[in-house]
């Protein structure tokens, strides 16, 4: 297998881009390393956002572990359901995440379900939690797409545009190669190459821009849940376009239409209507208000012993 990746129209030529690295005799996929880093940074973002909005950051450390597990499980289930032909003859491959196969929409669905369950258990506002983790999820999607770069997947059809990416045929799954790619296939030094649209890059950049816009807007939000609605609206809007370019689409059985593109369109419509409606009507909906108001715990309380370190972060009172 050849490991070079090039962006010829940008003058970028990478001679050896492996899919994994060996550490002390263990082989670790770059895909997994990137996902792990994205999760770690996501924890930092969520806890920082919790502190900024005077919530208890420890709640997010507890919920984050369960949320990550639920998100990964949801992402894998979503992918397997719509790629059943790949797994029906070898069910053990369902548990092999080293080669990729995580659908972002499934991950978001799994994480959202976990948020509502945990919010009920902890007596917190699920909409406030969703707002707090929105930036963390978006960061994970932005970074996670680079796992597709190392796996040579999630790309679009042939292009000769500025960002065209050139890949060796023997490093790509045969099912992702279209007739148009084969028509424009090049042979260089005895190696066959295809040239594709780097849709993983488009989505990563889209997420980065959306992340910046949400950071700028977060101090102006009107109600709990608005940040999450803006996130899913903006992200889905980009996926409507990007998903249409990909050659490895998960298709709706019997229809043949890309399931993620259809879902993205539905999300755009739903989130758009919800944003317009709640902009004027959120004050009449108690569920969109925080259930608790958190205040900083002082280092010392007059007439009392200094509070323990674990009690110095926050105290709360019901509204």
C-alpha atoms as a PDB file:
ATOM      1  CA  UNK A   1       0.000   0.000   0.000  1.00  0.00           C
ATOM      2  CA  UNK A   2       1.177   3.502  -0.810  1.00  0.00           C
ATOM      3  CA  UNK A   3       0.846   6.193   1.848  1.00  0.00           C
ATOM      4  CA  UNK A   4       1.344   9.481   0.028  1.00  0.00           C
ATOM      5  CA  UNK A   5      -1.331  12.198  -0.048  1.00  0.00           C
ATOM      6  CA  UNK A   6      -1.096  15.311  -2.174  1.00  0.00           C
ATOM      7  CA  UNK A   7      -2.935  18.549  -2.836  1.00  0.00           C
ATOM      8  CA  UNK A   8      -1.282  19.222  -6.202  1.00  0.00           C
ATOM      9  CA  UNK A   9      -3.020  22.517  -6.968  1.00  0.00           C
ATOM     10  CA  UNK A  10      -1.818  23.882  -3.637  1.00  0.00           C
ATOM     11  CA  UNK A  11       1.690  22.490  -4.107  1.00  0.00           C
ATOM     12  CA  UNK A  12       1.390  20.251  -1.003  1.00  0.00           C
ATOM     13  CA  UNK A  13       2.929  16.761  -1.244  1.00  0.00           C
ATOM     14  CA  UNK A  14       2.990  14.473   1.797  1.00  0.00           C
ATOM     15  CA  UNK A  15       5.103  11.402   1.127  1.00  0.00           C
ATOM     16  CA  UNK A  16       4.113   9.197   4.042  1.00  0.00           C
ATOM     17  CA  UNK A  17       0.825   9.621   5.906  1.00  0.00           C
ATOM     18  CA  UNK A  18       0.267   6.432   7.868  1.00  0.00           C
ATOM     19  CA  UNK A  19      -2.987   5.214   9.380  1.00  0.00           C
ATOM     20  CA  UNK A  20      -1.520   4.250  12.749  1.00  0.00           C
ATOM     21  CA  UNK A  21       1.500   4.483  15.005  1.00  0.00           C
ATOM     22  CA  UNK A  22       3.305   1.863  17.096  1.00  0.00           C
ATOM     23  CA  UNK A  23       3.898   2.788  20.748  1.00  0.00           C
ATOM     24  CA  UNK A  24       5.698   0.245  22.961  1.00  0.00           C
ATOM     25  CA  UNK A  25       4.558  -2.584  20.715  1.00  0.00           C
ATOM     26  CA  UNK A  26       0.940  -1.426  20.544  1.00  0.00           C
ATOM     27  CA  UNK A  27      -0.579  -0.241  17.280  1.00  0.00           C
ATOM     28  CA  UNK A  28      -2.782   2.813  17.761  1.00  0.00           C
ATOM     29  CA  UNK A  29      -4.819   4.260  14.900  1.00  0.00           C
ATOM     30  CA  UNK A  30      -4.516   7.995  14.276  1.00  0.00           C
ATOM     31  CA  UNK A  31      -8.317   7.979  13.984  1.00  0.00           C
ATOM     32  CA  UNK A  32      -8.562   6.874  17.607  1.00  0.00           C
ATOM     33  CA  UNK A  33      -5.909   9.339  18.779  1.00  0.00           C
ATOM     34  CA  UNK A  34      -7.783  12.228  17.165  1.00  0.00           C
ATOM     35  CA  UNK A  35     -11.112  11.136  18.640  1.00  0.00           C
ATOM     36  CA  UNK A  36      -9.466  10.802  22.059  1.00  0.00           C
ATOM     37  CA  UNK A  37      -7.951  14.296  21.839  1.00  0.00           C
ATOM     38  CA  UNK A  38     -11.294  15.709  20.684  1.00  0.00           C
ATOM     39  CA  UNK A  39     -13.029  14.164  23.706  1.00  0.00           C
ATOM     40  CA  UNK A  40     -10.406  15.519  26.127  1.00  0.00           C
ATOM     41  CA  UNK A  41     -10.606  19.037  24.692  1.00  0.00           C
ATOM     42  CA  UNK A  42     -14.395  18.738  24.719  1.00  0.00           C
ATOM     43  CA  UNK A  43     -14.297  18.088  28.484  1.00  0.00           C
ATOM     44  CA  UNK A  44     -12.174  21.203  28.976  1.00  0.00           C
ATOM     45  CA  UNK A  45     -14.530  23.325  26.872  1.00  0.00           C
ATOM     46  CA  UNK A  46     -17.662  22.066  28.643  1.00  0.00           C
ATOM     47  CA  UNK A  47     -16.272  22.588  32.156  1.00  0.00           C
ATOM     48  CA  UNK A  48     -14.971  26.051  31.241  1.00  0.00           C
ATOM     49  CA  UNK A  49     -18.384  26.977  29.851  1.00  0.00           C
ATOM     50  CA  UNK A  50     -20.027  25.635  33.021  1.00  0.00           C
ATOM     51  CA  UNK A  51     -17.808  27.870  35.161  1.00  0.00           C
ATOM     52  CA  UNK A  52     -18.514  30.872  32.938  1.00  0.00           C
ATOM     53  CA  UNK A  53     -22.260  30.413  33.353  1.00  0.00           C
ATOM     54  CA  UNK A  54     -21.960  29.689  37.119  1.00  0.00           C
ATOM     55  CA  UNK A  55     -22.839  26.029  36.978  1.00  0.00           C
ATOM     56  CA  UNK A  56     -21.068  23.262  38.825  1.00  0.00           C
ATOM     57  CA  UNK A  57     -18.323  21.983  36.484  1.00  0.00           C
ATOM     58  CA  UNK A  58     -18.149  18.683  38.379  1.00  0.00           C
ATOM     59  CA  UNK A  59     -21.601  17.828  37.011  1.00  0.00           C
ATOM     60  CA  UNK A  60     -20.131  17.904  33.511  1.00  0.00           C
ATOM     61  CA  UNK A  61     -17.230  15.645  34.395  1.00  0.00           C
ATOM     62  CA  UNK A  62     -19.705  13.055  35.659  1.00  0.00           C
ATOM     63  CA  UNK A  63     -22.147  13.443  32.778  1.00  0.00           C
ATOM     64  CA  UNK A  64     -19.398  13.725  30.202  1.00  0.00           C
ATOM     65  CA  UNK A  65     -18.162  10.169  30.680  1.00  0.00           C
ATOM     66  CA  UNK A  66     -21.639   8.717  30.179  1.00  0.00           C
ATOM     67  CA  UNK A  67     -22.361  11.167  27.352  1.00  0.00           C
ATOM     68  CA  UNK A  68     -19.225  10.136  25.460  1.00  0.00           C
ATOM     69  CA  UNK A  69     -20.073   6.445  25.773  1.00  0.00           C
ATOM     70  CA  UNK A  70     -23.651   7.091  24.634  1.00  0.00           C
ATOM     71  CA  UNK A  71     -22.406   9.262  21.758  1.00  0.00           C
ATOM     72  CA  UNK A  72     -19.933   6.677  20.466  1.00  0.00           C
ATOM     73  CA  UNK A  73     -22.530   3.913  20.805  1.00  0.00           C
ATOM     74  CA  UNK A  74     -25.116   6.010  18.947  1.00  0.00           C
ATOM     75  CA  UNK A  75     -22.641   6.909  16.203  1.00  0.00           C
ATOM     76  CA  UNK A  76     -21.722   3.260  15.672  1.00  0.00           C
ATOM     77  CA  UNK A  77     -25.329   1.986  15.745  1.00  0.00           C
ATOM     78  CA  UNK A  78     -26.403   4.630  13.212  1.00  0.00           C
ATOM     79  CA  UNK A  79     -23.542   3.674  10.865  1.00  0.00           C
ATOM     80  CA  UNK A  80     -24.103  -0.079  11.187  1.00  0.00           C
ATOM     81  CA  UNK A  81     -27.872   0.165  10.615  1.00  0.00           C
ATOM     82  CA  UNK A  82     -27.406   1.961   7.298  1.00  0.00           C
ATOM     83  CA  UNK A  83     -24.378  -0.142   6.271  1.00  0.00           C
ATOM     84  CA  UNK A  84     -25.797  -3.514   7.295  1.00  0.00           C
ATOM     85  CA  UNK A  85     -24.548  -5.309   4.183  1.00  0.00           C
ATOM     86  CA  UNK A  86     -20.975  -4.668   5.359  1.00  0.00           C
ATOM     87  CA  UNK A  87     -21.528  -6.367   8.726  1.00  0.00           C
ATOM     88  CA  UNK A  88     -24.268  -8.972   8.336  1.00  0.00           C
ATOM     89  CA  UNK A  89     -21.802 -11.744   7.471  1.00  0.00           C
ATOM     90  CA  UNK A  90     -19.308 -10.902  10.232  1.00  0.00           C
ATOM     91  CA  UNK A  91     -21.033  -9.444  13.265  1.00  0.00           C
ATOM     92  CA  UNK A  92     -17.802  -9.092  15.240  1.00  0.00           C
ATOM     93  CA  UNK A  93     -16.728  -6.321  12.853  1.00  0.00           C
ATOM     94  CA  UNK A  94     -19.450  -4.175  14.393  1.00  0.00           C
ATOM     95  CA  UNK A  95     -17.164  -3.723  17.418  1.00  0.00           C
ATOM     96  CA  UNK A  96     -14.057  -2.870  15.370  1.00  0.00           C
ATOM     97  CA  UNK A  97     -13.805   0.924  15.480  1.00  0.00           C
ATOM     98  CA  UNK A  98     -10.180   1.053  14.386  1.00  0.00           C
ATOM     99  CA  UNK A  99     -11.120   1.436  10.721  1.00  0.00           C
ATOM    100  CA  UNK A 100     -13.653   4.212  11.333  1.00  0.00           C
ATOM    101  CA  UNK A 101     -17.373   3.863  10.833  1.00  0.00           C
ATOM    102  CA  UNK A 102     -18.868   6.446  13.192  1.00  0.00           C
ATOM    103  CA  UNK A 103     -21.800   8.540  11.954  1.00  0.00           C
ATOM    104  CA  UNK A 104     -21.873  11.967  13.577  1.00  0.00           C
ATOM    105  CA  UNK A 105     -25.658  12.272  13.575  1.00  0.00           C
ATOM    106  CA  UNK A 106     -25.953   9.031  15.499  1.00  0.00           C
ATOM    107  CA  UNK A 107     -23.441  10.336  18.013  1.00  0.00           C
ATOM    108  CA  UNK A 108     -25.408  13.539  18.558  1.00  0.00           C
ATOM    109  CA  UNK A 109     -28.665  11.586  18.951  1.00  0.00           C
ATOM    110  CA  UNK A 110     -27.069   9.264  21.521  1.00  0.00           C
ATOM    111  CA  UNK A 111     -25.560  12.175  23.452  1.00  0.00           C
ATOM    112  CA  UNK A 112     -28.835  14.134  23.501  1.00  0.00           C
ATOM    113  CA  UNK A 113     -30.749  11.122  24.869  1.00  0.00           C
ATOM    114  CA  UNK A 114     -28.105  10.755  27.592  1.00  0.00           C
ATOM    115  CA  UNK A 115     -28.422  14.459  28.473  1.00  0.00           C
ATOM    116  CA  UNK A 116     -32.187  14.235  29.040  1.00  0.00           C
ATOM    117  CA  UNK A 117     -31.869  11.079  31.150  1.00  0.00           C
ATOM    118  CA  UNK A 118     -29.041  12.470  33.288  1.00  0.00           C
ATOM    119  CA  UNK A 119     -30.694  15.882  33.644  1.00  0.00           C
ATOM    120  CA  UNK A 120     -33.770  14.206  35.089  1.00  0.00           C
ATOM    121  CA  UNK A 121     -31.665  12.164  37.508  1.00  0.00           C
ATOM    122  CA  UNK A 122     -29.655  15.208  38.653  1.00  0.00           C
ATOM    123  CA  UNK A 123     -32.633  17.601  38.583  1.00  0.00           C
ATOM    124  CA  UNK A 124     -30.923  19.974  36.139  1.00  0.00           C
ATOM    125  CA  UNK A 125     -32.152  21.786  33.048  1.00  0.00           C
ATOM    126  CA  UNK A 126     -31.490  19.606  29.960  1.00  0.00           C
ATOM    127  CA  UNK A 127     -31.612  22.690  27.739  1.00  0.00           C
ATOM    128  CA  UNK A 128     -28.965  24.457  29.809  1.00  0.00           C
ATOM    129  CA  UNK A 129     -26.796  21.347  29.603  1.00  0.00           C
ATOM    130  CA  UNK A 130     -27.224  21.172  25.821  1.00  0.00           C
ATOM    131  CA  UNK A 131     -26.160  24.814  25.513  1.00  0.00           C
ATOM    132  CA  UNK A 132     -23.130  24.162  27.691  1.00  0.00           C
ATOM    133  CA  UNK A 133     -21.930  21.174  25.657  1.00  0.00           C
ATOM    134  CA  UNK A 134     -22.793  22.568  22.201  1.00  0.00           C
ATOM    135  CA  UNK A 135     -19.346  24.104  21.709  1.00  0.00           C
ATOM    136  CA  UNK A 136     -17.680  20.909  22.937  1.00  0.00           C
ATOM    137  CA  UNK A 137     -19.629  18.754  20.461  1.00  0.00           C
ATOM    138  CA  UNK A 138     -18.873  21.129  17.603  1.00  0.00           C
ATOM    139  CA  UNK A 139     -15.179  21.077  18.504  1.00  0.00           C
ATOM    140  CA  UNK A 140     -15.292  17.276  18.439  1.00  0.00           C
ATOM    141  CA  UNK A 141     -16.780  17.295  14.958  1.00  0.00           C
ATOM    142  CA  UNK A 142     -14.223  19.813  13.724  1.00  0.00           C
ATOM    143  CA  UNK A 143     -11.275  17.751  14.973  1.00  0.00           C
ATOM    144  CA  UNK A 144     -12.809  14.331  14.369  1.00  0.00           C
ATOM    145  CA  UNK A 145     -13.024  14.887  10.619  1.00  0.00           C
ATOM    146  CA  UNK A 146      -9.230  14.740  10.439  1.00  0.00           C
ATOM    147  CA  UNK A 147      -9.481  11.091  11.364  1.00  0.00           C
ATOM    148  CA  UNK A 148     -11.083  10.682   7.923  1.00  0.00           C
ATOM    149  CA  UNK A 149      -7.983  12.280   6.408  1.00  0.00           C
ATOM    150  CA  UNK A 150      -5.719   9.572   7.842  1.00  0.00           C
ATOM    151  CA  UNK A 151      -8.193   6.839   6.873  1.00  0.00           C
ATOM    152  CA  UNK A 152      -8.573   8.176   3.288  1.00  0.00           C
ATOM    153  CA  UNK A 153     -12.357   8.293   3.574  1.00  0.00           C
ATOM    154  CA  UNK A 154     -15.294  10.729   3.574  1.00  0.00           C
ATOM    155  CA  UNK A 155     -14.279  12.403   0.321  1.00  0.00           C
ATOM    156  CA  UNK A 156     -16.213  13.597  -2.715  1.00  0.00           C
ATOM    157  CA  UNK A 157     -16.111  12.823  -6.405  1.00  0.00           C
ATOM    158  CA  UNK A 158     -13.447  13.885  -8.906  1.00  0.00           C
ATOM    159  CA  UNK A 159     -12.438  17.533  -8.969  1.00  0.00           C
ATOM    160  CA  UNK A 160      -9.559  19.595 -10.313  1.00  0.00           C
ATOM    161  CA  UNK A 161     -10.328  22.563  -8.094  1.00  0.00           C
ATOM    162  CA  UNK A 162      -7.929  24.407  -5.832  1.00  0.00           C
ATOM    163  CA  UNK A 163      -8.330  21.984  -2.924  1.00  0.00           C
ATOM    164  CA  UNK A 164      -8.321  18.767  -4.976  1.00  0.00           C
ATOM    165  CA  UNK A 165      -6.744  15.871  -3.052  1.00  0.00           C
ATOM    166  CA  UNK A 166      -4.804  13.078  -4.773  1.00  0.00           C
ATOM    167  CA  UNK A 167      -4.845   9.575  -3.273  1.00  0.00           C
ATOM    168  CA  UNK A 168      -3.289   6.219  -4.259  1.00  0.00           C
ATOM    169  CA  UNK A 169      -5.992   3.801  -5.396  1.00  0.00           C
ATOM    170  CA  UNK A 170      -4.627   0.978  -3.253  1.00  0.00           C
ATOM    171  CA  UNK A 171      -5.129   3.090  -0.087  1.00  0.00           C
ATOM    172  CA  UNK A 172      -8.841   3.695  -0.733  1.00  0.00           C
ATOM    173  CA  UNK A 173     -11.839   1.400  -0.351  1.00  0.00           C
ATOM    174  CA  UNK A 174     -12.893   0.199  -3.794  1.00  0.00           C
ATOM    175  CA  UNK A 175     -16.545   1.003  -3.094  1.00  0.00           C
ATOM    176  CA  UNK A 176     -15.722   4.710  -2.646  1.00  0.00           C
ATOM    177  CA  UNK A 177     -14.258   5.035  -6.164  1.00  0.00           C
ATOM    178  CA  UNK A 178     -16.738   6.261  -8.783  1.00  0.00           C
ATOM    179  CA  UNK A 179     -16.687   5.854 -12.555  1.00  0.00           C
ATOM    180  CA  UNK A 180     -15.801   9.545 -12.906  1.00  0.00           C
ATOM    181  CA  UNK A 181     -12.754   9.060 -10.696  1.00  0.00           C
ATOM    182  CA  UNK A 182     -11.663   6.098 -12.798  1.00  0.00           C
ATOM    183  CA  UNK A 183     -12.028   8.123 -15.986  1.00  0.00           C
ATOM    184  CA  UNK A 184      -9.621  10.731 -14.605  1.00  0.00           C
ATOM    185  CA  UNK A 185      -7.269   8.256 -12.943  1.00  0.00           C
ATOM    186  CA  UNK A 186      -3.557   9.028 -13.330  1.00  0.00           C
ATOM    187  CA  UNK A 187      -0.604   6.661 -13.206  1.00  0.00           C
ATOM    188  CA  UNK A 188       2.573   8.143 -11.737  1.00  0.00           C
ATOM    189  CA  UNK A 189       5.707   6.024 -11.365  1.00  0.00           C
ATOM    190  CA  UNK A 190       3.603   2.892 -11.768  1.00  0.00           C
ATOM    191  CA  UNK A 191       1.073   3.889  -9.067  1.00  0.00           C
ATOM    192  CA  UNK A 192      -2.581   4.628  -9.882  1.00  0.00           C
ATOM    193  CA  UNK A 193      -4.034   7.780  -8.343  1.00  0.00           C
ATOM    194  CA  UNK A 194      -7.488   9.325  -8.067  1.00  0.00           C
ATOM    195  CA  UNK A 195      -8.212  13.002  -7.439  1.00  0.00           C
ATOM    196  CA  UNK A 196     -11.116  13.853  -5.138  1.00  0.00           C
ATOM    197  CA  UNK A 197     -12.916  16.607  -3.248  1.00  0.00           C
ATOM    198  CA  UNK A 198     -11.692  16.662   0.394  1.00  0.00           C
ATOM    199  CA  UNK A 199     -15.158  16.912   1.945  1.00  0.00           C
ATOM    200  CA  UNK A 200     -13.717  16.103   5.378  1.00  0.00           C
ATOM    201  CA  UNK A 201     -11.748  19.374   5.069  1.00  0.00           C
ATOM    202  CA  UNK A 202     -14.812  21.337   3.970  1.00  0.00           C
ATOM    203  CA  UNK A 203     -16.756  20.107   6.979  1.00  0.00           C
ATOM    204  CA  UNK A 204     -13.912  20.759   9.408  1.00  0.00           C
ATOM    205  CA  UNK A 205     -13.577  24.354   8.191  1.00  0.00           C
ATOM    206  CA  UNK A 206     -17.364  24.798   8.281  1.00  0.00           C
ATOM    207  CA  UNK A 207     -17.396  23.634  11.911  1.00  0.00           C
ATOM    208  CA  UNK A 208     -14.501  25.975  12.785  1.00  0.00           C
ATOM    209  CA  UNK A 209     -16.358  29.000  11.367  1.00  0.00           C
ATOM    210  CA  UNK A 210     -19.563  27.967  13.140  1.00  0.00           C
ATOM    211  CA  UNK A 211     -17.652  27.501  16.396  1.00  0.00           C
ATOM    212  CA  UNK A 212     -16.270  31.051  16.194  1.00  0.00           C
ATOM    213  CA  UNK A 213     -19.722  32.498  15.456  1.00  0.00           C
ATOM    214  CA  UNK A 214     -21.285  30.683  18.427  1.00  0.00           C
ATOM    215  CA  UNK A 215     -18.516  31.842  20.784  1.00  0.00           C
ATOM    216  CA  UNK A 216     -19.173  35.422  19.691  1.00  0.00           C
ATOM    217  CA  UNK A 217     -22.931  35.012  20.150  1.00  0.00           C
ATOM    218  CA  UNK A 218     -23.107  33.088  23.438  1.00  0.00           C
ATOM    219  CA  UNK A 219     -23.284  36.190  25.660  1.00  0.00           C
ATOM    220  CA  UNK A 220     -26.330  37.381  23.725  1.00  0.00           C
ATOM    221  CA  UNK A 221     -28.444  34.243  23.912  1.00  0.00           C
ATOM    222  CA  UNK A 222     -32.069  34.768  24.955  1.00  0.00           C
ATOM    223  CA  UNK A 223     -33.007  31.403  26.510  1.00  0.00           C
ATOM    224  CA  UNK A 224     -31.647  28.000  27.471  1.00  0.00           C
ATOM    225  CA  UNK A 225     -31.403  25.771  24.430  1.00  0.00           C
ATOM    226  CA  UNK A 226     -30.831  28.562  21.908  1.00  0.00           C
ATOM    227  CA  UNK A 227     -27.119  27.821  21.503  1.00  0.00           C
ATOM    228  CA  UNK A 228     -27.832  24.156  20.809  1.00  0.00           C
ATOM    229  CA  UNK A 229     -30.536  25.027  18.269  1.00  0.00           C
ATOM    230  CA  UNK A 230     -28.159  27.426  16.512  1.00  0.00           C
ATOM    231  CA  UNK A 231     -25.500  24.725  16.508  1.00  0.00           C
ATOM    232  CA  UNK A 232     -27.683  22.017  14.940  1.00  0.00           C
ATOM    233  CA  UNK A 233     -29.154  24.517  12.454  1.00  0.00           C
ATOM    234  CA  UNK A 234     -25.732  25.733  11.294  1.00  0.00           C
ATOM    235  CA  UNK A 235     -24.139  22.305  11.249  1.00  0.00           C
ATOM    236  CA  UNK A 236     -27.025  20.677   9.375  1.00  0.00           C
ATOM    237  CA  UNK A 237     -27.054  23.520   6.839  1.00  0.00           C
ATOM    238  CA  UNK A 238     -23.452  22.691   5.952  1.00  0.00           C
ATOM    239  CA  UNK A 239     -24.166  18.965   5.800  1.00  0.00           C
ATOM    240  CA  UNK A 240     -26.980  19.447   3.278  1.00  0.00           C
ATOM    241  CA  UNK A 241     -24.330  20.684   0.845  1.00  0.00           C
ATOM    242  CA  UNK A 242     -21.313  18.602   1.902  1.00  0.00           C
ATOM    243  CA  UNK A 243     -23.148  15.275   2.132  1.00  0.00           C
ATOM    244  CA  UNK A 244     -24.259  15.646  -1.491  1.00  0.00           C
ATOM    245  CA  UNK A 245     -20.598  15.619  -2.577  1.00  0.00           C
ATOM    246  CA  UNK A 246     -19.521  12.437  -0.793  1.00  0.00           C
ATOM    247  CA  UNK A 247     -19.157   9.067  -2.482  1.00  0.00           C
ATOM    248  CA  UNK A 248     -19.479   6.936   0.677  1.00  0.00           C
ATOM    249  CA  UNK A 249     -23.001   8.008   1.574  1.00  0.00           C
ATOM    250  CA  UNK A 250     -25.247   5.892   3.776  1.00  0.00           C
ATOM    251  CA  UNK A 251     -28.417   5.421   1.717  1.00  0.00           C
ATOM    252  CA  UNK A 252     -32.040   5.030   2.765  1.00  0.00           C
ATOM    253  CA  UNK A 253     -33.007   1.413   1.899  1.00  0.00           C
ATOM    254  CA  UNK A 254     -35.374   1.162  -1.050  1.00  0.00           C
ATOM    255  CA  UNK A 255     -35.010   4.838  -1.970  1.00  0.00           C
ATOM    256  CA  UNK A 256     -31.288   5.252  -2.489  1.00  0.00           C
ATOM    257  CA  UNK A 257     -31.252   8.829  -1.181  1.00  0.00           C
ATOM    258  CA  UNK A 258     -28.435   9.803   1.254  1.00  0.00           C
ATOM    259  CA  UNK A 259     -29.840   9.379   4.749  1.00  0.00           C
ATOM    260  CA  UNK A 260     -27.607  12.049   6.300  1.00  0.00           C
ATOM    261  CA  UNK A 261     -28.542  14.572   3.631  1.00  0.00           C
ATOM    262  CA  UNK A 262     -32.251  13.895   4.191  1.00  0.00           C
ATOM    263  CA  UNK A 263     -31.822  14.121   7.960  1.00  0.00           C
ATOM    264  CA  UNK A 264     -29.792  17.334   7.632  1.00  0.00           C
ATOM    265  CA  UNK A 265     -32.573  18.910   5.576  1.00  0.00           C
ATOM    266  CA  UNK A 266     -35.175  17.951   8.193  1.00  0.00           C
ATOM    267  CA  UNK A 267     -32.987  19.337  10.997  1.00  0.00           C
ATOM    268  CA  UNK A 268     -32.536  22.658   9.172  1.00  0.00           C
ATOM    269  CA  UNK A 269     -36.307  23.025   8.789  1.00  0.00           C
ATOM    270  CA  UNK A 270     -37.065  21.968  12.379  1.00  0.00           C
ATOM    271  CA  UNK A 271     -34.329  24.064  14.002  1.00  0.00           C
ATOM    272  CA  UNK A 272     -35.117  27.072  11.795  1.00  0.00           C
ATOM    273  CA  UNK A 273     -38.804  27.025  12.745  1.00  0.00           C
ATOM    274  CA  UNK A 274     -37.955  26.496  16.427  1.00  0.00           C
ATOM    275  CA  UNK A 275     -35.511  29.428  16.430  1.00  0.00           C
ATOM    276  CA  UNK A 276     -38.036  31.770  14.819  1.00  0.00           C
ATOM    277  CA  UNK A 277     -40.842  30.705  17.150  1.00  0.00           C
ATOM    278  CA  UNK A 278     -38.832  30.766  20.385  1.00  0.00           C
ATOM    279  CA  UNK A 279     -37.294  34.133  19.564  1.00  0.00           C
ATOM    280  CA  UNK A 280     -40.642  35.718  20.410  1.00  0.00           C
ATOM    281  CA  UNK A 281     -42.238  33.127  22.677  1.00  0.00           C
ATOM    282  CA  UNK A 282     -39.469  31.775  24.923  1.00  0.00           C
ATOM    283  CA  UNK A 283     -40.551  33.886  27.921  1.00  0.00           C
ATOM    284  CA  UNK A 284     -43.798  31.924  28.102  1.00  0.00           C
ATOM    285  CA  UNK A 285     -41.943  28.595  28.384  1.00  0.00           C
ATOM    286  CA  UNK A 286     -40.607  27.884  31.923  1.00  0.00           C
ATOM    287  CA  UNK A 287     -38.666  24.840  30.731  1.00  0.00           C
ATOM    288  CA  UNK A 288     -36.278  27.124  28.857  1.00  0.00           C
ATOM    289  CA  UNK A 289     -35.183  28.829  32.079  1.00  0.00           C
ATOM    290  CA  UNK A 290     -32.391  27.516  34.293  1.00  0.00           C
ATOM    291  CA  UNK A 291     -33.672  25.483  37.211  1.00  0.00           C
ATOM    292  CA  UNK A 292     -30.927  26.697  39.517  1.00  0.00           C
ATOM    293  CA  UNK A 293     -28.884  29.873  39.819  1.00  0.00           C
ATOM    294  CA  UNK A 294     -25.283  29.293  40.861  1.00  0.00           C
ATOM    295  CA  UNK A 295     -23.204  31.803  42.799  1.00  0.00           C
ATOM    296  CA  UNK A 296     -19.473  31.755  43.577  1.00  0.00           C
ATOM    297  CA  UNK A 297     -18.629  30.324  46.996  1.00  0.00           C
ATOM    298  CA  UNK A 298     -16.395  32.804  48.938  1.00  0.00           C
ATOM    299  CA  UNK A 299     -13.033  31.628  50.237  1.00  0.00           C
ATOM    300  CA  UNK A 300     -14.090  32.507  53.779  1.00  0.00           C
ATOM    301  CA  UNK A 301     -17.443  32.897  55.508  1.00  0.00           C
ATOM    302  CA  UNK A 302     -17.481  35.314  58.434  1.00  0.00           C
ATOM    303  CA  UNK A 303     -17.964  33.596  61.767  1.00  0.00           C
ATOM    304  CA  UNK A 304     -17.506  30.117  60.293  1.00  0.00           C
ATOM    305  CA  UNK A 305     -14.648  27.790  59.510  1.00  0.00           C
ATOM    306  CA  UNK A 306     -13.238  28.066  55.971  1.00  0.00           C
ATOM    307  CA  UNK A 307     -15.185  25.748  53.634  1.00  0.00           C
ATOM    308  CA  UNK A 308     -13.491  22.633  52.347  1.00  0.00           C
ATOM    309  CA  UNK A 309     -11.841  22.866  48.951  1.00  0.00           C
ATOM    310  CA  UNK A 310     -14.581  20.839  47.245  1.00  0.00           C
ATOM    311  CA  UNK A 311     -17.196  23.276  48.604  1.00  0.00           C
ATOM    312  CA  UNK A 312     -15.436  26.436  47.428  1.00  0.00           C
ATOM    313  CA  UNK A 313     -16.397  26.144  43.793  1.00  0.00           C
ATOM    314  CA  UNK A 314     -20.114  26.832  43.829  1.00  0.00           C
ATOM    315  CA  UNK A 315     -23.225  26.802  45.967  1.00  0.00           C
ATOM    316  CA  UNK A 316     -26.693  27.042  44.505  1.00  0.00           C
ATOM    317  CA  UNK A 317     -30.146  28.197  45.394  1.00  0.00           C
ATOM    318  CA  UNK A 318     -33.463  27.460  43.751  1.00  0.00           C
ATOM    319  CA  UNK A 319     -35.118  30.278  41.833  1.00  0.00           C
END
